[in-house]
C-alpha atoms as a PDB file:
ATOM      1  CA  MET A   1      -4.625  -2.813   8.406  1.00  0.00           C
ATOM      2  CA  GLY A   2      -3.335  -5.027   5.687  1.00  0.00           C
ATOM      3  CA  GLY A   3      -3.464  -8.319   3.884  1.00  0.00           C
ATOM      4  CA  ARG A   4      -6.645 -10.318   4.185  1.00  0.00           C
ATOM      5  CA  SER A   5      -8.302  -7.850   6.566  1.00  0.00           C
ATOM      6  CA  GLY A   6      -8.505  -5.388   3.663  1.00  0.00           C
ATOM      7  CA  VAL A   7     -10.466  -7.967   1.675  1.00  0.00           C
ATOM      8  CA  SER A   8     -12.938  -8.256   4.567  1.00  0.00           C
ATOM      9  CA  VAL A   9     -13.353  -4.468   4.702  1.00  0.00           C
ATOM     10  CA  ALA A  10     -13.948  -4.322   0.935  1.00  0.00           C
ATOM     11  CA  ALA A  11     -16.378  -7.264   0.976  1.00  0.00           C
ATOM     12  CA  ARG A  12     -18.402  -5.649   3.741  1.00  0.00           C
ATOM     13  CA  TRP A  13     -18.476  -2.322   1.881  1.00  0.00           C
ATOM     14  CA  PHE A  14     -19.920  -4.018  -1.215  1.00  0.00           C
ATOM     15  CA  LEU A  15     -22.345  -6.213   0.788  1.00  0.00           C
ATOM     16  CA  ASP A  16     -23.670  -3.176   2.676  1.00  0.00           C
ATOM     17  CA  ARG A  17     -24.566  -1.661  -0.710  1.00  0.00           C
ATOM     18  CA  GLY A  18     -26.473  -4.687  -1.986  1.00  0.00           C
ATOM     19  CA  TYR A  19     -23.792  -6.342  -4.121  1.00  0.00           C
ATOM     20  CA  ALA A  20     -23.335 -10.107  -4.155  1.00  0.00           C
ATOM     21  CA  VAL A  21     -19.684 -10.823  -3.291  1.00  0.00           C
ATOM     22  CA  SER A  22     -17.621 -13.895  -4.100  1.00  0.00           C
ATOM     23  CA  VAL A  23     -14.057 -14.742  -3.119  1.00  0.00           C
ATOM     24  CA  PRO A  24     -12.206 -16.658  -5.861  1.00  0.00           C
ATOM     25  CA  LEU A  25     -10.127 -19.720  -5.208  1.00  0.00           C
ATOM     26  CA  GLU A  26      -6.386 -19.106  -5.354  1.00  0.00           C
ATOM     27  CA  PRO A  27      -4.530 -18.347  -7.467  1.00  0.00           C
ATOM     28  CA  ALA A  28      -6.458 -15.460  -8.940  1.00  0.00           C
ATOM     29  CA  VAL A  29      -5.288 -12.024 -10.019  1.00  0.00           C
ATOM     30  CA  TYR A  30      -8.226 -10.402  -8.202  1.00  0.00           C
ATOM     31  CA  ASP A  31      -9.403 -10.687  -4.587  1.00  0.00           C
ATOM     32  CA  LEU A  32     -13.177 -10.323  -5.012  1.00  0.00           C
ATOM     33  CA  ILE A  33     -15.886 -10.712  -7.608  1.00  0.00           C
ATOM     34  CA  THR A  34     -18.859  -8.419  -7.172  1.00  0.00           C
ATOM     35  CA  GLU A  35     -22.229  -8.789  -8.839  1.00  0.00           C
ATOM     36  CA  SER A  36     -24.800  -6.070  -9.344  1.00  0.00           C
ATOM     37  CA  ASP A  37     -27.213  -4.932 -12.046  1.00  0.00           C
ATOM     38  CA  GLU A  38     -24.087  -3.859 -13.978  1.00  0.00           C
ATOM     39  CA  GLY A  39     -22.815  -7.465 -14.050  1.00  0.00           C
ATOM     40  CA  LEU A  40     -19.724  -9.115 -12.602  1.00  0.00           C
ATOM     41  CA  LYS A  41     -16.674  -7.015 -11.698  1.00  0.00           C
ATOM     42  CA  ARG A  42     -13.212  -8.199 -10.626  1.00  0.00           C
ATOM     43  CA  VAL A  43     -11.793  -6.240  -7.692  1.00  0.00           C
ATOM     44  CA  GLN A  44      -8.196  -6.195  -6.467  1.00  0.00           C
ATOM     45  CA  VAL A  45      -7.900  -4.983  -2.861  1.00  0.00           C
ATOM     46  CA  LYS A  46      -4.849  -3.018  -1.747  1.00  0.00           C
ATOM     47  CA  THR A  47      -4.112  -1.739   1.747  1.00  0.00           C
ATOM     48  CA  SER A  48      -1.544   0.729   3.002  1.00  0.00           C
ATOM     49  CA  ARG A  49      -0.358   2.752   5.977  1.00  0.00           C
ATOM     50  CA  GLN A  50       2.440   4.410   4.006  1.00  0.00           C
ATOM     51  CA  ILE A  51       2.822   8.184   4.102  1.00  0.00           C
ATOM     52  CA  ALA A  52       4.838   9.992   1.410  1.00  0.00           C
ATOM     53  CA  LYS A  53       7.185  12.888   2.162  1.00  0.00           C
ATOM     54  CA  ASN A  54       4.419  15.290   1.099  1.00  0.00           C
ATOM     55  CA  GLY A  55       2.158  13.868   3.849  1.00  0.00           C
ATOM     56  CA  ARG A  56      -0.160  12.040   1.450  1.00  0.00           C
ATOM     57  CA  GLU A  57      -1.020   8.372   1.811  1.00  0.00           C
ATOM     58  CA  THR A  58       0.533   6.086  -0.786  1.00  0.00           C
ATOM     59  CA  VAL A  59      -0.288   2.559  -1.878  1.00  0.00           C
ATOM     60  CA  GLY A  60       1.479   0.051  -4.075  1.00  0.00           C
ATOM     61  CA  ILE A  61      -0.707  -1.360  -6.827  1.00  0.00           C
ATOM     62  CA  SER A  62       1.781  -3.701  -8.458  1.00  0.00           C
ATOM     63  CA  ARG A  63       1.918  -7.473  -8.394  1.00  0.00           C
ATOM     64  CA  LEU A  64       4.668 -10.085  -8.493  1.00  0.00           C
ATOM     65  CA  VAL A  65       5.039 -11.934 -11.784  1.00  0.00           C
ATOM     66  CA  TYR A  66       7.314 -14.819 -12.716  1.00  0.00           C
ATOM     67  CA  ASP A  67      10.400 -13.799 -14.713  1.00  0.00           C
ATOM     68  CA  SER A  68      12.821 -16.592 -15.637  1.00  0.00           C
ATOM     69  CA  THR A  69      15.536 -14.038 -16.501  1.00  0.00           C
ATOM     70  CA  ARG A  70      15.737 -12.732 -12.911  1.00  0.00           C
ATOM     71  CA  PRO A  71      17.938 -14.296 -10.254  1.00  0.00           C
ATOM     72  CA  ARG A  72      16.154 -16.128  -7.461  1.00  0.00           C
ATOM     73  CA  ASN A  73      15.496 -14.193  -4.285  1.00  0.00           C
ATOM     74  CA  ALA A  74      13.167 -14.671  -1.305  1.00  0.00           C
ATOM     75  CA  ASN A  75      10.194 -14.428  -3.699  1.00  0.00           C
ATOM     76  CA  GLY A  76      11.789 -16.682  -6.303  1.00  0.00           C
ATOM     77  CA  PRO A  77      12.518 -15.319  -9.785  1.00  0.00           C
ATOM     78  CA  ARG A  78       9.811 -12.651  -9.693  1.00  0.00           C
ATOM     79  CA  ARG A  79       9.539  -8.965 -10.461  1.00  0.00           C
ATOM     80  CA  ARG A  80       6.975  -6.285  -9.771  1.00  0.00           C
ATOM     81  CA  ALA A  81       4.650  -5.393 -12.644  1.00  0.00           C
ATOM     82  CA  PRO A  82       1.484  -3.324 -13.112  1.00  0.00           C
ATOM     83  CA  TYR A  83      -1.865  -5.079 -13.341  1.00  0.00           C
ATOM     84  CA  ASP A  84      -3.179  -5.806 -16.815  1.00  0.00           C
ATOM     85  CA  PRO A  85      -6.393  -3.829 -17.457  1.00  0.00           C
ATOM     86  CA  CYS A  86      -7.880  -6.996 -18.959  1.00  0.00           C
ATOM     87  CA  SER A  87      -7.438  -8.917 -15.686  1.00  0.00           C
ATOM     88  CA  ILE A  88      -9.239  -6.664 -13.165  1.00  0.00           C
ATOM     89  CA  ASP A  89     -11.891  -3.962 -13.249  1.00  0.00           C
ATOM     90  CA  TYR A  90     -11.286  -2.014 -10.022  1.00  0.00           C
ATOM     91  CA  PHE A  91      -8.851  -1.427  -7.197  1.00  0.00           C
ATOM     92  CA  PHE A  92     -10.451  -1.127  -3.775  1.00  0.00           C
ATOM     93  CA  VAL A  93      -7.874   0.747  -1.706  1.00  0.00           C
ATOM     94  CA  VAL A  94      -8.036   0.761   2.095  1.00  0.00           C
ATOM     95  CA  THR A  95      -5.823   3.202   4.005  1.00  0.00           C
ATOM     96  CA  ALA A  96      -5.744   4.249   7.653  1.00  0.00           C
ATOM     97  CA  THR A  97      -8.090   7.178   6.939  1.00  0.00           C
ATOM     98  CA  GLN A  98     -10.016   6.499   3.709  1.00  0.00           C
ATOM     99  CA  MET A  99     -11.254   3.934   1.183  1.00  0.00           C
ATOM    100  CA  TYR A 100     -11.226   4.319  -2.602  1.00  0.00           C
ATOM    101  CA  LEU A 101     -12.850   2.469  -5.496  1.00  0.00           C
ATOM    102  CA  ILE A 102     -10.644   3.237  -8.497  1.00  0.00           C
ATOM    103  CA  PRO A 103     -11.326   1.880 -12.018  1.00  0.00           C
ATOM    104  CA  ILE A 104      -8.295   0.139 -13.524  1.00  0.00           C
ATOM    105  CA  ASN A 105      -8.412   2.361 -16.619  1.00  0.00           C
ATOM    106  CA  VAL A 106      -7.659   5.400 -14.415  1.00  0.00           C
ATOM    107  CA  VAL A 107      -4.405   3.908 -13.079  1.00  0.00           C
ATOM    108  CA  ALA A 108      -3.426   1.397 -15.798  1.00  0.00           C
ATOM    109  CA  GLY A 109       0.345   0.997 -16.042  1.00  0.00           C
ATOM    110  CA  LEU A 110       1.054   2.507 -12.612  1.00  0.00           C
ATOM    111  CA  MET A 111       2.642   0.547  -9.775  1.00  0.00           C
ATOM    112  CA  GLN A 112       2.167   3.060  -6.948  1.00  0.00           C
ATOM    113  CA  LEU A 113      -0.346   5.773  -6.164  1.00  0.00           C
ATOM    114  CA  CYS A 114      -0.008   8.917  -4.113  1.00  0.00           C
ATOM    115  CA  LEU A 115      -3.594   9.396  -2.962  1.00  0.00           C
ATOM    116  CA  ASP A 116      -3.780  13.123  -3.588  1.00  0.00           C
ATOM    117  CA  ASP A 117      -6.597  15.340  -4.839  1.00  0.00           C
ATOM    118  CA  LYS A 118      -6.793  13.665  -8.252  1.00  0.00           C
ATOM    119  CA  TYR A 119      -8.140  10.505  -6.547  1.00  0.00           C
ATOM    120  CA  ALA A 120     -10.606  12.344  -4.283  1.00  0.00           C
ATOM    121  CA  ALA A 121     -13.473  11.607  -6.696  1.00  0.00           C
ATOM    122  CA  PHE A 122     -12.920   7.888  -6.096  1.00  0.00           C
ATOM    123  CA  ALA A 123     -13.118   8.086  -2.287  1.00  0.00           C
ATOM    124  CA  VAL A 124     -15.983   6.072  -0.817  1.00  0.00           C
ATOM    125  CA  ALA A 125     -17.618   6.154   2.597  1.00  0.00           C
END
């Protein structure tokens, strides 16, 4: 699973729980906007089938940003960077075996997660 199918999985998860879900027009830093009694939340969806050497699932949570000092490559002059905590509220992570709803403040500054026991509290069904 990957790409846009992860957004569909996340949207359905939120809809099944009574949230209103909107998909922003591109370009946007987030993939979904959810609305509940708690207000609007910006959600970035990440998918992965990667397994680390320790057997745990891993997921990249970085994004490509323009950097005029970098040489052009297939992605243009871009580099990977962590998400700004002011630009999204949650990561919805979809792996082959589990889904997670992780607040940005828990992983701010990181560009990859090893989904070990410290993220178990954020697993959703």
